Amino acid sequence: MDAFKGKFERIAAENYEEFLKALNVGFLLRKAATVSTPVMEVSEAGGTWSLKTSTTLKNMELKFKLGEEFDETTPDGRETRAVVTFDDGKIVTVQTAKKAGQKSTRSVREMTGADQMLY
């Protein structure tokens, strides 16, 4: 997982708006998310990993220990039970919605070059 440590700036967001629509994210939040250029910083201290995402509008931080479930409120307001694992060289995050009718998600982050993360 050490290869993931560092800062990464989003350079592309293919089908991102469609993804947000599928999650029922409102129009204004969707537009703000698609025009922003977030920077993600990945770090680890004492077995606790941190994914800090910063934009001009909002800063978020996700802290976790690999394989341990935790409660998370997503940026779009969904209450989830989440777990992050490291599988086959990839960071896999599964967010299971607590509320009926809300979407659960699975996201995968992988390094595609020395300084390039695909998410």
PDB file of N, CA and C in Angstrom:
ATOM      1  N   MET A   1       0.819  -1.212   0.000  1.00  0.00           N
ATOM      2  CA  MET A   1       0.000   0.000   0.000  1.00  0.00           C
ATOM      3  C   MET A   1       0.853   1.261   0.000  1.00  0.00           C
ATOM      4  N   ASP A   2       2.125   1.126   0.284  1.00  0.00           N
ATOM      5  CA  ASP A   2       2.970   2.311   0.333  1.00  0.00           C
ATOM      6  C   ASP A   2       2.993   3.070  -0.989  1.00  0.00           C
ATOM      7  N   ALA A   3       2.783   2.370  -2.106  1.00  0.00           N
ATOM      8  CA  ALA A   3       2.774   3.032  -3.424  1.00  0.00           C
ATOM      9  C   ALA A   3       1.662   4.071  -3.523  1.00  0.00           C
ATOM     10  N   PHE A   4       0.622   3.951  -2.694  1.00  0.00           N
ATOM     11  CA  PHE A   4      -0.507   4.873  -2.734  1.00  0.00           C
ATOM     12  C   PHE A   4      -0.260   6.158  -1.951  1.00  0.00           C
ATOM     13  N   LYS A   5       0.766   6.173  -1.126  1.00  0.00           N
ATOM     14  CA  LYS A   5       1.031   7.363  -0.320  1.00  0.00           C
ATOM     15  C   LYS A   5       1.471   8.508  -1.220  1.00  0.00           C
ATOM     16  N   GLY A   6       0.890   9.695  -0.970  1.00  0.00           N
ATOM     17  CA  GLY A   6       1.258  10.868  -1.739  1.00  0.00           C
ATOM     18  C   GLY A   6       0.044  11.710  -2.071  1.00  0.00           C
ATOM     19  N   LYS A   7       0.249  12.709  -2.947  1.00  0.00           N
ATOM     20  CA  LYS A   7      -0.828  13.606  -3.378  1.00  0.00           C
ATOM     21  C   LYS A   7      -1.135  13.353  -4.840  1.00  0.00           C
ATOM     22  N   PHE A   8      -2.440  13.369  -5.146  1.00  0.00           N
ATOM     23  CA  PHE A   8      -2.910  13.106  -6.496  1.00  0.00           C
ATOM     24  C   PHE A   8      -3.983  14.124  -6.864  1.00  0.00           C
ATOM     25  N   GLU A   9      -3.873  14.708  -8.049  1.00  0.00           N
ATOM     26  CA  GLU A   9      -4.865  15.668  -8.541  1.00  0.00           C
ATOM     27  C   GLU A   9      -5.692  15.005  -9.631  1.00  0.00           C
ATOM     28  N   ARG A  10      -7.012  15.185  -9.563  1.00  0.00           N
ATOM     29  CA  ARG A  10      -7.884  14.602 -10.585  1.00  0.00           C
ATOM     30  C   ARG A  10      -7.642  15.292 -11.910  1.00  0.00           C
ATOM     31  N   ILE A  11      -7.401  14.486 -12.942  1.00  0.00           N
ATOM     32  CA  ILE A  11      -7.177  15.034 -14.284  1.00  0.00           C
ATOM     33  C   ILE A  11      -8.287  14.623 -15.249  1.00  0.00           C
ATOM     34  N   ALA A  12      -9.115  13.679 -14.844  1.00  0.00           N
ATOM     35  CA  ALA A  12     -10.233  13.246 -15.689  1.00  0.00           C
ATOM     36  C   ALA A  12     -11.319  12.670 -14.786  1.00  0.00           C
ATOM     37  N   ALA A  13     -12.570  12.713 -15.292  1.00  0.00           N
ATOM     38  CA  ALA A  13     -13.697  12.189 -14.521  1.00  0.00           C
ATOM     39  C   ALA A  13     -14.747  11.640 -15.481  1.00  0.00           C
ATOM     40  N   GLU A  14     -14.396  10.575 -16.166  1.00  0.00           N
ATOM     41  CA  GLU A  14     -15.288   9.976 -17.155  1.00  0.00           C
ATOM     42  C   GLU A  14     -16.523   9.383 -16.482  1.00  0.00           C
ATOM     43  N   ASN A  15     -17.702   9.737 -16.999  1.00  0.00           N
ATOM     44  CA  ASN A  15     -18.997   9.233 -16.519  1.00  0.00           C
ATOM     45  C   ASN A  15     -19.291   9.579 -15.061  1.00  0.00           C
ATOM     46  N   TYR A  16     -18.590  10.565 -14.526  1.00  0.00           N
ATOM     47  CA  TYR A  16     -18.771  10.919 -13.121  1.00  0.00           C
ATOM     48  C   TYR A  16     -20.165  11.490 -12.861  1.00  0.00           C
ATOM     49  N   GLU A  17     -20.635  12.353 -13.739  1.00  0.00           N
ATOM     50  CA  GLU A  17     -21.970  12.928 -13.519  1.00  0.00           C
ATOM     51  C   GLU A  17     -23.047  11.843 -13.566  1.00  0.00           C
ATOM     52  N   GLU A  18     -22.926  10.895 -14.479  1.00  0.00           N
ATOM     53  CA  GLU A  18     -23.887   9.794 -14.561  1.00  0.00           C
ATOM     54  C   GLU A  18     -23.867   8.952 -13.284  1.00  0.00           C
ATOM     55  N   PHE A  19     -22.660   8.737 -12.752  1.00  0.00           N
ATOM     56  CA  PHE A  19     -22.513   8.003 -11.501  1.00  0.00           C
ATOM     57  C   PHE A  19     -23.236   8.739 -10.372  1.00  0.00           C
ATOM     58  N   LEU A  20     -23.028  10.049 -10.283  1.00  0.00           N
ATOM     59  CA  LEU A  20     -23.676  10.845  -9.235  1.00  0.00           C
ATOM     60  C   LEU A  20     -25.190  10.854  -9.399  1.00  0.00           C
ATOM     61  N   LYS A  21     -25.659  10.917 -10.639  1.00  0.00           N
ATOM     62  CA  LYS A  21     -27.111  10.841 -10.881  1.00  0.00           C
ATOM     63  C   LYS A  21     -27.679   9.521 -10.372  1.00  0.00           C
ATOM     64  N   ALA A  22     -26.962   8.423 -10.621  1.00  0.00           N
ATOM     65  CA  ALA A  22     -27.421   7.106 -10.176  1.00  0.00           C
ATOM     66  C   ALA A  22     -27.518   7.028  -8.656  1.00  0.00           C
ATOM     67  N   LEU A  23     -26.715   7.844  -7.963  1.00  0.00           N
ATOM     68  CA  LEU A  23     -26.771   7.901  -6.496  1.00  0.00           C
ATOM     69  C   LEU A  23     -27.826   8.889  -6.001  1.00  0.00           C
ATOM     70  N   ASN A  24     -28.539   9.507  -6.929  1.00  0.00           N
ATOM     71  CA  ASN A  24     -29.569  10.501  -6.613  1.00  0.00           C
ATOM     72  C   ASN A  24     -28.986  11.760  -5.983  1.00  0.00           C
ATOM     73  N   VAL A  25     -27.768  12.125  -6.370  1.00  0.00           N
ATOM     74  CA  VAL A  25     -27.156  13.365  -5.898  1.00  0.00           C
ATOM     75  C   VAL A  25     -27.849  14.522  -6.611  1.00  0.00           C
ATOM     76  N   GLY A  26     -28.201  15.558  -5.857  1.00  0.00           N
ATOM     77  CA  GLY A  26     -28.912  16.709  -6.406  1.00  0.00           C
ATOM     78  C   GLY A  26     -28.098  17.472  -7.446  1.00  0.00           C
ATOM     79  N   PHE A  27     -28.794  18.247  -8.257  1.00  0.00           N
ATOM     80  CA  PHE A  27     -28.199  18.960  -9.380  1.00  0.00           C
ATOM     81  C   PHE A  27     -27.029  19.854  -8.962  1.00  0.00           C
ATOM     82  N   LEU A  28     -27.229  20.699  -7.951  1.00  0.00           N
ATOM     83  CA  LEU A  28     -26.177  21.644  -7.555  1.00  0.00           C
ATOM     84  C   LEU A  28     -24.925  20.937  -7.036  1.00  0.00           C
ATOM     85  N   LEU A  29     -25.097  19.934  -6.201  1.00  0.00           N
ATOM     86  CA  LEU A  29     -23.947  19.194  -5.688  1.00  0.00           C
ATOM     87  C   LEU A  29     -23.236  18.445  -6.818  1.00  0.00           C
ATOM     88  N   ARG A  30     -24.017  17.899  -7.757  1.00  0.00           N
ATOM     89  CA  ARG A  30     -23.428  17.210  -8.916  1.00  0.00           C
ATOM     90  C   ARG A  30     -22.574  18.154  -9.737  1.00  0.00           C
ATOM     91  N   LYS A  31     -23.103  19.342 -10.015  1.00  0.00           N
ATOM     92  CA  LYS A  31     -22.360  20.319 -10.810  1.00  0.00           C
ATOM     93  C   LYS A  31     -21.095  20.763 -10.089  1.00  0.00           C
ATOM     94  N   ALA A  32     -21.195  21.004  -8.801  1.00  0.00           N
ATOM     95  CA  ALA A  32     -20.016  21.410  -8.027  1.00  0.00           C
ATOM     96  C   ALA A  32     -18.957  20.311  -8.056  1.00  0.00           C
ATOM     97  N   ALA A  33     -19.394  19.069  -7.943  1.00  0.00           N
ATOM     98  CA  ALA A  33     -18.452  17.950  -7.922  1.00  0.00           C
ATOM     99  C   ALA A  33     -17.771  17.753  -9.267  1.00  0.00           C
ATOM    100  N   THR A  34     -18.497  17.981 -10.346  1.00  0.00           N
ATOM    101  CA  THR A  34     -17.916  17.717 -11.671  1.00  0.00           C
ATOM    102  C   THR A  34     -17.010  18.838 -12.159  1.00  0.00           C
ATOM    103  N   VAL A  35     -17.174  20.059 -11.658  1.00  0.00           N
ATOM    104  CA  VAL A  35     -16.308  21.150 -12.110  1.00  0.00           C
ATOM    105  C   VAL A  35     -15.102  21.365 -11.194  1.00  0.00           C
ATOM    106  N   SER A  36     -15.107  20.740 -10.037  1.00  0.00           N
ATOM    107  CA  SER A  36     -13.986  20.921  -9.109  1.00  0.00           C
ATOM    108  C   SER A  36     -12.781  20.082  -9.563  1.00  0.00           C
ATOM    109  N   THR A  37     -11.631  20.441  -9.048  1.00  0.00           N
ATOM    110  CA  THR A  37     -10.400  19.694  -9.311  1.00  0.00           C
ATOM    111  C   THR A  37      -9.829  19.252  -7.975  1.00  0.00           C
ATOM    112  N   PRO A  38     -10.345  18.146  -7.437  1.00  0.00           N
ATOM    113  CA  PRO A  38      -9.900  17.731  -6.114  1.00  0.00           C
ATOM    114  C   PRO A  38      -8.467  17.214  -6.100  1.00  0.00           C
ATOM    115  N   VAL A  39      -7.839  17.395  -4.953  1.00  0.00           N
ATOM    116  CA  VAL A  39      -6.528  16.827  -4.688  1.00  0.00           C
ATOM    117  C   VAL A  39      -6.715  15.836  -3.547  1.00  0.00           C
ATOM    118  N   MET A  40      -6.247  14.603  -3.747  1.00  0.00           N
ATOM    119  CA  MET A  40      -6.352  13.575  -2.716  1.00  0.00           C
ATOM    120  C   MET A  40      -4.964  13.293  -2.158  1.00  0.00           C
ATOM    121  N   GLU A  41      -4.878  13.316  -0.834  1.00  0.00           N
ATOM    122  CA  GLU A  41      -3.626  12.980  -0.172  1.00  0.00           C
ATOM    123  C   GLU A  41      -3.827  11.697   0.618  1.00  0.00           C
ATOM    124  N   VAL A  42      -2.989  10.711   0.358  1.00  0.00           N
ATOM    125  CA  VAL A  42      -3.068   9.417   1.023  1.00  0.00           C
ATOM    126  C   VAL A  42      -1.881   9.297   1.986  1.00  0.00           C
ATOM    127  N   SER A  43      -2.194   8.982   3.246  1.00  0.00           N
ATOM    128  CA  SER A  43      -1.126   8.825   4.233  1.00  0.00           C
ATOM    129  C   SER A  43      -1.500   7.716   5.211  1.00  0.00           C
ATOM    130  N   GLU A  44      -0.523   7.326   6.025  1.00  0.00           N
ATOM    131  CA  GLU A  44      -0.741   6.264   7.011  1.00  0.00           C
ATOM    132  C   GLU A  44       0.128   6.537   8.226  1.00  0.00           C
ATOM    133  N   ALA A  45      -0.441   6.324   9.396  1.00  0.00           N
ATOM    134  CA  ALA A  45       0.311   6.470  10.640  1.00  0.00           C
ATOM    135  C   ALA A  45      -0.206   5.430  11.628  1.00  0.00           C
ATOM    136  N   GLY A  46       0.655   4.563  12.100  1.00  0.00           N
ATOM    137  CA  GLY A  46       0.270   3.579  13.107  1.00  0.00           C
ATOM    138  C   GLY A  46      -0.821   2.631  12.667  1.00  0.00           C
ATOM    139  N   GLY A  47      -0.889   2.308  11.392  1.00  0.00           N
ATOM    140  CA  GLY A  47      -1.908   1.388  10.891  1.00  0.00           C
ATOM    141  C   GLY A  47      -3.222   2.048  10.520  1.00  0.00           C
ATOM    142  N   THR A  48      -3.353   3.345  10.779  1.00  0.00           N
ATOM    143  CA  THR A  48      -4.558   4.078  10.392  1.00  0.00           C
ATOM    144  C   THR A  48      -4.259   4.848   9.110  1.00  0.00           C
ATOM    145  N   TRP A  49      -5.051   4.577   8.097  1.00  0.00           N
ATOM    146  CA  TRP A  49      -4.893   5.235   6.803  1.00  0.00           C
ATOM    147  C   TRP A  49      -5.806   6.450   6.730  1.00  0.00           C
ATOM    148  N   SER A  50      -5.393   7.430   5.946  1.00  0.00           N
ATOM    149  CA  SER A  50      -6.163   8.658   5.770  1.00  0.00           C
ATOM    150  C   SER A  50      -6.217   8.997   4.283  1.00  0.00           C
ATOM    151  N   LEU A  51      -7.423   9.271   3.803  1.00  0.00           N
ATOM    152  CA  LEU A  51      -7.628   9.788   2.453  1.00  0.00           C
ATOM    153  C   LEU A  51      -8.231  11.179   2.611  1.00  0.00           C
ATOM    154  N   LYS A  52      -7.417  12.217   2.407  1.00  0.00           N
ATOM    155  CA  LYS A  52      -7.891  13.594   2.510  1.00  0.00           C
ATOM    156  C   LYS A  52      -8.153  14.106   1.101  1.00  0.00           C
ATOM    157  N   THR A  53      -9.360  14.587   0.885  1.00  0.00           N
ATOM    158  CA  THR A  53      -9.730  15.150  -0.411  1.00  0.00           C
ATOM    159  C   THR A  53     -10.040  16.617  -0.214  1.00  0.00           C
ATOM    160  N   SER A  54      -9.375  17.466  -0.999  1.00  0.00           N
ATOM    161  CA  SER A  54      -9.536  18.914  -0.858  1.00  0.00           C
ATOM    162  C   SER A  54      -9.960  19.523  -2.177  1.00  0.00           C
ATOM    163  N   THR A  55     -10.962  20.410  -2.102  1.00  0.00           N
ATOM    164  CA  THR A  55     -11.371  21.227  -3.243  1.00  0.00           C
ATOM    165  C   THR A  55     -11.513  22.655  -2.741  1.00  0.00           C
ATOM    166  N   THR A  56     -11.805  23.564  -3.644  1.00  0.00           N
ATOM    167  CA  THR A  56     -12.021  24.948  -3.219  1.00  0.00           C
ATOM    168  C   THR A  56     -13.304  25.076  -2.404  1.00  0.00           C
ATOM    169  N   LEU A  57     -14.247  24.132  -2.574  1.00  0.00           N
ATOM    170  CA  LEU A  57     -15.528  24.204  -1.877  1.00  0.00           C
ATOM    171  C   LEU A  57     -15.569  23.429  -0.564  1.00  0.00           C
ATOM    172  N   LYS A  58     -14.843  22.315  -0.508  1.00  0.00           N
ATOM    173  CA  LYS A  58     -15.012  21.423   0.637  1.00  0.00           C
ATOM    174  C   LYS A  58     -13.765  20.571   0.834  1.00  0.00           C
ATOM    175  N   ASN A  59     -13.486  20.244   2.083  1.00  0.00           N
ATOM    176  CA  ASN A  59     -12.421  19.315   2.429  1.00  0.00           C
ATOM    177  C   ASN A  59     -13.036  18.144   3.187  1.00  0.00           C
ATOM    178  N   MET A  60     -12.585  16.946   2.868  1.00  0.00           N
ATOM    179  CA  MET A  60     -13.102  15.743   3.522  1.00  0.00           C
ATOM    180  C   MET A  60     -11.927  14.851   3.899  1.00  0.00           C
ATOM    181  N   GLU A  61     -12.108  14.072   4.958  1.00  0.00           N
ATOM    182  CA  GLU A  61     -11.081  13.117   5.329  1.00  0.00           C
ATOM    183  C   GLU A  61     -11.741  11.809   5.736  1.00  0.00           C
ATOM    184  N   LEU A  62     -11.234  10.733   5.189  1.00  0.00           N
ATOM    185  CA  LEU A  62     -11.700   9.398   5.527  1.00  0.00           C
ATOM    186  C   LEU A  62     -10.551   8.694   6.233  1.00  0.00           C
ATOM    187  N   LYS A  63     -10.760   8.278   7.488  1.00  0.00           N
ATOM    188  CA  LYS A  63      -9.743   7.558   8.248  1.00  0.00           C
ATOM    189  C   LYS A  63     -10.255   6.149   8.491  1.00  0.00           C
ATOM    190  N   PHE A  64      -9.345   5.176   8.349  1.00  0.00           N
ATOM    191  CA  PHE A  64      -9.757   3.788   8.481  1.00  0.00           C
ATOM    192  C   PHE A  64      -8.552   2.899   8.756  1.00  0.00           C
ATOM    193  N   LYS A  65      -8.851   1.702   9.270  1.00  0.00           N
ATOM    194  CA  LYS A  65      -7.871   0.629   9.375  1.00  0.00           C
ATOM    195  C   LYS A  65      -8.329  -0.451   8.405  1.00  0.00           C
ATOM    196  N   LEU A  66      -7.398  -0.985   7.658  1.00  0.00           N
ATOM    197  CA  LEU A  66      -7.738  -1.990   6.658  1.00  0.00           C
ATOM    198  C   LEU A  66      -8.492  -3.154   7.286  1.00  0.00           C
ATOM    199  N   GLY A  67      -9.598  -3.531   6.648  1.00  0.00           N
ATOM    200  CA  GLY A  67     -10.377  -4.683   7.070  1.00  0.00           C
ATOM    201  C   GLY A  67     -11.314  -4.459   8.237  1.00  0.00           C
ATOM    202  N   GLU A  68     -11.311  -3.260   8.822  1.00  0.00           N
ATOM    203  CA  GLU A  68     -12.189  -2.975   9.964  1.00  0.00           C
ATOM    204  C   GLU A  68     -13.381  -2.130   9.521  1.00  0.00           C
ATOM    205  N   GLU A  69     -14.584  -2.591   9.842  1.00  0.00           N
ATOM    206  CA  GLU A  69     -15.790  -1.839   9.488  1.00  0.00           C
ATOM    207  C   GLU A  69     -15.891  -0.566  10.320  1.00  0.00           C
ATOM    208  N   PHE A  70     -16.518   0.462   9.716  1.00  0.00           N
ATOM    209  CA  PHE A  70     -16.730   1.725  10.417  1.00  0.00           C
ATOM    210  C   PHE A  70     -17.945   2.416   9.824  1.00  0.00           C
ATOM    211  N   ASP A  71     -18.521   3.340  10.591  1.00  0.00           N
ATOM    212  CA  ASP A  71     -19.649   4.136  10.125  1.00  0.00           C
ATOM    213  C   ASP A  71     -19.116   5.320   9.341  1.00  0.00           C
ATOM    214  N   GLU A  72     -19.779   5.630   8.235  1.00  0.00           N
ATOM    215  CA  GLU A  72     -19.346   6.748   7.396  1.00  0.00           C
ATOM    216  C   GLU A  72     -20.564   7.488   6.848  1.00  0.00           C
ATOM    217  N   THR A  73     -20.486   8.797   6.874  1.00  0.00           N
ATOM    218  CA  THR A  73     -21.451   9.625   6.157  1.00  0.00           C
ATOM    219  C   THR A  73     -20.757  10.081   4.888  1.00  0.00           C
ATOM    220  N   THR A  74     -21.298   9.709   3.750  1.00  0.00           N
ATOM    221  CA  THR A  74     -20.677  10.032   2.471  1.00  0.00           C
ATOM    222  C   THR A  74     -20.854  11.513   2.151  1.00  0.00           C
ATOM    223  N   PRO A  75     -20.061  12.054   1.219  1.00  0.00           N
ATOM    224  CA  PRO A  75     -20.196  13.477   0.869  1.00  0.00           C
ATOM    225  C   PRO A  75     -21.602  13.860   0.398  1.00  0.00           C
ATOM    226  N   ASP A  76     -22.347  12.897  -0.151  1.00  0.00           N
ATOM    227  CA  ASP A  76     -23.713  13.196  -0.598  1.00  0.00           C
ATOM    228  C   ASP A  76     -24.750  12.937   0.490  1.00  0.00           C
ATOM    229  N   GLY A  77     -24.283  12.618   1.718  1.00  0.00           N
ATOM    230  CA  GLY A  77     -25.191  12.524   2.863  1.00  0.00           C
ATOM    231  C   GLY A  77     -25.701  11.137   3.194  1.00  0.00           C
ATOM    232  N   ARG A  78     -25.310  10.103   2.470  1.00  0.00           N
ATOM    233  CA  ARG A  78     -25.759   8.746   2.795  1.00  0.00           C
ATOM    234  C   ARG A  78     -25.042   8.237   4.039  1.00  0.00           C
ATOM    235  N   GLU A  79     -25.797   7.608   4.936  1.00  0.00           N
ATOM    236  CA  GLU A  79     -25.223   6.948   6.109  1.00  0.00           C
ATOM    237  C   GLU A  79     -24.893   5.523   5.689  1.00  0.00           C
ATOM    238  N   THR A  80     -23.617   5.136   5.867  1.00  0.00           N
ATOM    239  CA  THR A  80     -23.197   3.811   5.428  1.00  0.00           C
ATOM    240  C   THR A  80     -22.380   3.106   6.498  1.00  0.00           C
ATOM    241  N   ARG A  81     -22.266   1.815   6.320  1.00  0.00           N
ATOM    242  CA  ARG A  81     -21.310   0.989   7.059  1.00  0.00           C
ATOM    243  C   ARG A  81     -20.255   0.658   6.011  1.00  0.00           C
ATOM    244  N   ALA A  82     -19.003   0.997   6.269  1.00  0.00           N
ATOM    245  CA  ALA A  82     -17.964   0.876   5.251  1.00  0.00           C
ATOM    246  C   ALA A  82     -16.828  -0.020   5.725  1.00  0.00           C
ATOM    247  N   VAL A  83     -16.122  -0.565   4.749  1.00  0.00           N
ATOM    248  CA  VAL A  83     -14.907  -1.326   5.018  1.00  0.00           C
ATOM    249  C   VAL A  83     -13.964  -1.110   3.842  1.00  0.00           C
ATOM    250  N   VAL A  84     -12.685  -0.930   4.156  1.00  0.00           N
ATOM    251  CA  VAL A  84     -11.658  -0.733   3.136  1.00  0.00           C
ATOM    252  C   VAL A  84     -10.676  -1.891   3.239  1.00  0.00           C
ATOM    253  N   THR A  85     -10.383  -2.506   2.093  1.00  0.00           N
ATOM    254  CA  THR A  85      -9.439  -3.617   2.051  1.00  0.00           C
ATOM    255  C   THR A  85      -8.389  -3.351   0.981  1.00  0.00           C
ATOM    256  N   PHE A  86      -7.324  -4.110   1.023  1.00  0.00           N
ATOM    257  CA  PHE A  86      -6.273  -4.042   0.010  1.00  0.00           C
ATOM    258  C   PHE A  86      -6.262  -5.390  -0.683  1.00  0.00           C
ATOM    259  N   ASP A  87      -6.804  -5.436  -1.889  1.00  0.00           N
ATOM    260  CA  ASP A  87      -6.958  -6.687  -2.627  1.00  0.00           C
ATOM    261  C   ASP A  87      -6.246  -6.598  -3.967  1.00  0.00           C
ATOM    262  N   ASP A  88      -5.364  -7.546  -4.221  1.00  0.00           N
ATOM    263  CA  ASP A  88      -4.693  -7.654  -5.516  1.00  0.00           C
ATOM    264  C   ASP A  88      -4.033  -6.335  -5.934  1.00  0.00           C
ATOM    265  N   GLY A  89      -3.412  -5.658  -4.963  1.00  0.00           N
ATOM    266  CA  GLY A  89      -2.714  -4.411  -5.260  1.00  0.00           C
ATOM    267  C   GLY A  89      -3.619  -3.200  -5.417  1.00  0.00           C
ATOM    268  N   LYS A  90      -4.887  -3.315  -5.008  1.00  0.00           N
ATOM    269  CA  LYS A  90      -5.854  -2.229  -5.163  1.00  0.00           C
ATOM    270  C   LYS A  90      -6.522  -1.925  -3.825  1.00  0.00           C
ATOM    271  N   ILE A  91      -6.858  -0.649  -3.626  1.00  0.00           N
ATOM    272  CA  ILE A  91      -7.643  -0.248  -2.453  1.00  0.00           C
ATOM    273  C   ILE A  91      -9.112  -0.379  -2.834  1.00  0.00           C
ATOM    274  N   VAL A  92      -9.843  -1.219  -2.100  1.00  0.00           N
ATOM    275  CA  VAL A  92     -11.256  -1.468  -2.392  1.00  0.00           C
ATOM    276  C   VAL A  92     -12.090  -0.963  -1.216  1.00  0.00           C
ATOM    277  N   THR A  93     -13.019  -0.069  -1.501  1.00  0.00           N
ATOM    278  CA  THR A  93     -13.907   0.488  -0.487  1.00  0.00           C
ATOM    279  C   THR A  93     -15.335   0.046  -0.775  1.00  0.00           C
ATOM    280  N   VAL A  94     -15.987  -0.570   0.205  1.00  0.00           N
ATOM    281  CA  VAL A  94     -17.386  -0.976   0.074  1.00  0.00           C
ATOM    282  C   VAL A  94     -18.183  -0.189   1.103  1.00  0.00           C
ATOM    283  N   GLN A  95     -19.162   0.582   0.606  1.00  0.00           N
ATOM    284  CA  GLN A  95     -20.044   1.367   1.468  1.00  0.00           C
ATOM    285  C   GLN A  95     -21.440   0.771   1.354  1.00  0.00           C
ATOM    286  N   THR A  96     -21.938   0.222   2.454  1.00  0.00           N
ATOM    287  CA  THR A  96     -23.262  -0.388   2.473  1.00  0.00           C
ATOM    288  C   THR A  96     -24.232   0.590   3.122  1.00  0.00           C
ATOM    289  N   ALA A  97     -25.230   1.011   2.343  1.00  0.00           N
ATOM    290  CA  ALA A  97     -26.213   1.984   2.832  1.00  0.00           C
ATOM    291  C   ALA A  97     -26.987   1.408   4.010  1.00  0.00           C
ATOM    292  N   LYS A  98     -27.200   2.243   5.027  1.00  0.00           N
ATOM    293  CA  LYS A  98     -27.961   1.829   6.201  1.00  0.00           C
ATOM    294  C   LYS A  98     -29.459   1.991   5.983  1.00  0.00           C
ATOM    295  N   LYS A  99     -29.835   2.930   5.129  1.00  0.00           N
ATOM    296  CA  LYS A  99     -31.236   3.264   4.933  1.00  0.00           C
ATOM    297  C   LYS A  99     -31.777   2.560   3.685  1.00  0.00           C
ATOM    298  N   ALA A 100     -32.928   1.943   3.830  1.00  0.00           N
ATOM    299  CA  ALA A 100     -33.562   1.269   2.702  1.00  0.00           C
ATOM    300  C   ALA A 100     -33.813   2.272   1.569  1.00  0.00           C
ATOM    301  N   GLY A 101     -33.572   1.843   0.356  1.00  0.00           N
ATOM    302  CA  GLY A 101     -33.803   2.694  -0.800  1.00  0.00           C
ATOM    303  C   GLY A 101     -32.591   3.523  -1.208  1.00  0.00           C
ATOM    304  N   GLN A 102     -31.570   3.586  -0.347  1.00  0.00           N
ATOM    305  CA  GLN A 102     -30.348   4.304  -0.715  1.00  0.00           C
ATOM    306  C   GLN A 102     -29.365   3.327  -1.336  1.00  0.00           C
ATOM    307  N   LYS A 103     -28.455   3.863  -2.125  1.00  0.00           N
ATOM    308  CA  LYS A 103     -27.510   3.042  -2.871  1.00  0.00           C
ATOM    309  C   LYS A 103     -26.289   2.688  -2.025  1.00  0.00           C
ATOM    310  N   SER A 104     -25.806   1.478  -2.234  1.00  0.00           N
ATOM    311  CA  SER A 104     -24.526   1.041  -1.706  1.00  0.00           C
ATOM    312  C   SER A 104     -23.517   1.145  -2.841  1.00  0.00           C
ATOM    313  N   THR A 105     -22.246   1.339  -2.504  1.00  0.00           N
ATOM    314  CA  THR A 105     -21.235   1.496  -3.549  1.00  0.00           C
ATOM    315  C   THR A 105     -19.998   0.660  -3.242  1.00  0.00           C
ATOM    316  N   ARG A 106     -19.268   0.392  -4.313  1.00  0.00           N
ATOM    317  CA  ARG A 106     -17.967  -0.277  -4.222  1.00  0.00           C
ATOM    318  C   ARG A 106     -17.034   0.499  -5.138  1.00  0.00           C
ATOM    319  N   SER A 107     -15.937   0.986  -4.583  1.00  0.00           N
ATOM    320  CA  SER A 107     -14.985   1.733  -5.403  1.00  0.00           C
ATOM    321  C   SER A 107     -13.613   1.089  -5.303  1.00  0.00           C
ATOM    322  N   VAL A 108     -12.859   1.219  -6.386  1.00  0.00           N
ATOM    323  CA  VAL A 108     -11.535   0.611  -6.471  1.00  0.00           C
ATOM    324  C   VAL A 108     -10.537   1.677  -6.883  1.00  0.00           C
ATOM    325  N   ARG A 109      -9.444   1.756  -6.144  1.00  0.00           N
ATOM    326  CA  ARG A 109      -8.345   2.656  -6.488  1.00  0.00           C
ATOM    327  C   ARG A 109      -7.142   1.792  -6.818  1.00  0.00           C
ATOM    328  N   GLU A 110      -6.474   2.121  -7.919  1.00  0.00           N
ATOM    329  CA  GLU A 110      -5.269   1.379  -8.271  1.00  0.00           C
ATOM    330  C   GLU A 110      -4.244   2.306  -8.885  1.00  0.00           C
ATOM    331  N   MET A 111      -2.993   1.973  -8.677  1.00  0.00           N
ATOM    332  CA  MET A 111      -1.897   2.749  -9.253  1.00  0.00           C
ATOM    333  C   MET A 111      -1.680   2.268 -10.681  1.00  0.00           C
ATOM    334  N   THR A 112      -1.674   3.204 -11.636  1.00  0.00           N
ATOM    335  CA  THR A 112      -1.459   2.852 -13.037  1.00  0.00           C
ATOM    336  C   THR A 112      -0.105   3.370 -13.522  1.00  0.00           C
ATOM    337  N   GLY A 113       0.622   3.988 -12.648  1.00  0.00           N
ATOM    338  CA  GLY A 113       1.959   4.503 -12.928  1.00  0.00           C
ATOM    339  C   GLY A 113       2.537   4.979 -11.609  1.00  0.00           C
ATOM    340  N   ALA A 114       3.761   5.424 -11.630  1.00  0.00           N
ATOM    341  CA  ALA A 114       4.428   5.845 -10.395  1.00  0.00           C
ATOM    342  C   ALA A 114       3.677   6.965  -9.679  1.00  0.00           C
ATOM    343  N   ASP A 115       3.065   7.859 -10.430  1.00  0.00           N
ATOM    344  CA  ASP A 115       2.372   9.015  -9.841  1.00  0.00           C
ATOM    345  C   ASP A 115       0.934   9.129 -10.324  1.00  0.00           C
ATOM    346  N   GLN A 116       0.325   8.018 -10.724  1.00  0.00           N
ATOM    347  CA  GLN A 116      -1.020   8.093 -11.290  1.00  0.00           C
ATOM    348  C   GLN A 116      -1.918   7.038 -10.649  1.00  0.00           C
ATOM    349  N   MET A 117      -3.013   7.522 -10.033  1.00  0.00           N
ATOM    350  CA  MET A 117      -3.979   6.654  -9.401  1.00  0.00           C
ATOM    351  C   MET A 117      -5.273   6.672 -10.207  1.00  0.00           C
ATOM    352  N   LEU A 118      -5.801   5.493 -10.497  1.00  0.00           N
ATOM    353  CA  LEU A 118      -7.089   5.361 -11.184  1.00  0.00           C
ATOM    354  C   LEU A 118      -8.125   5.077 -10.123  1.00  0.00           C
ATOM    355  N   TYR A 119      -9.250   5.809 -10.167  1.00  0.00           N
ATOM    356  CA  TYR A 119     -10.288   5.667  -9.148  1.00  0.00           C
ATOM    357  C   TYR A 119     -11.625   5.611  -9.818  1.00  0.00           C
TER     358      TYR A 119
END
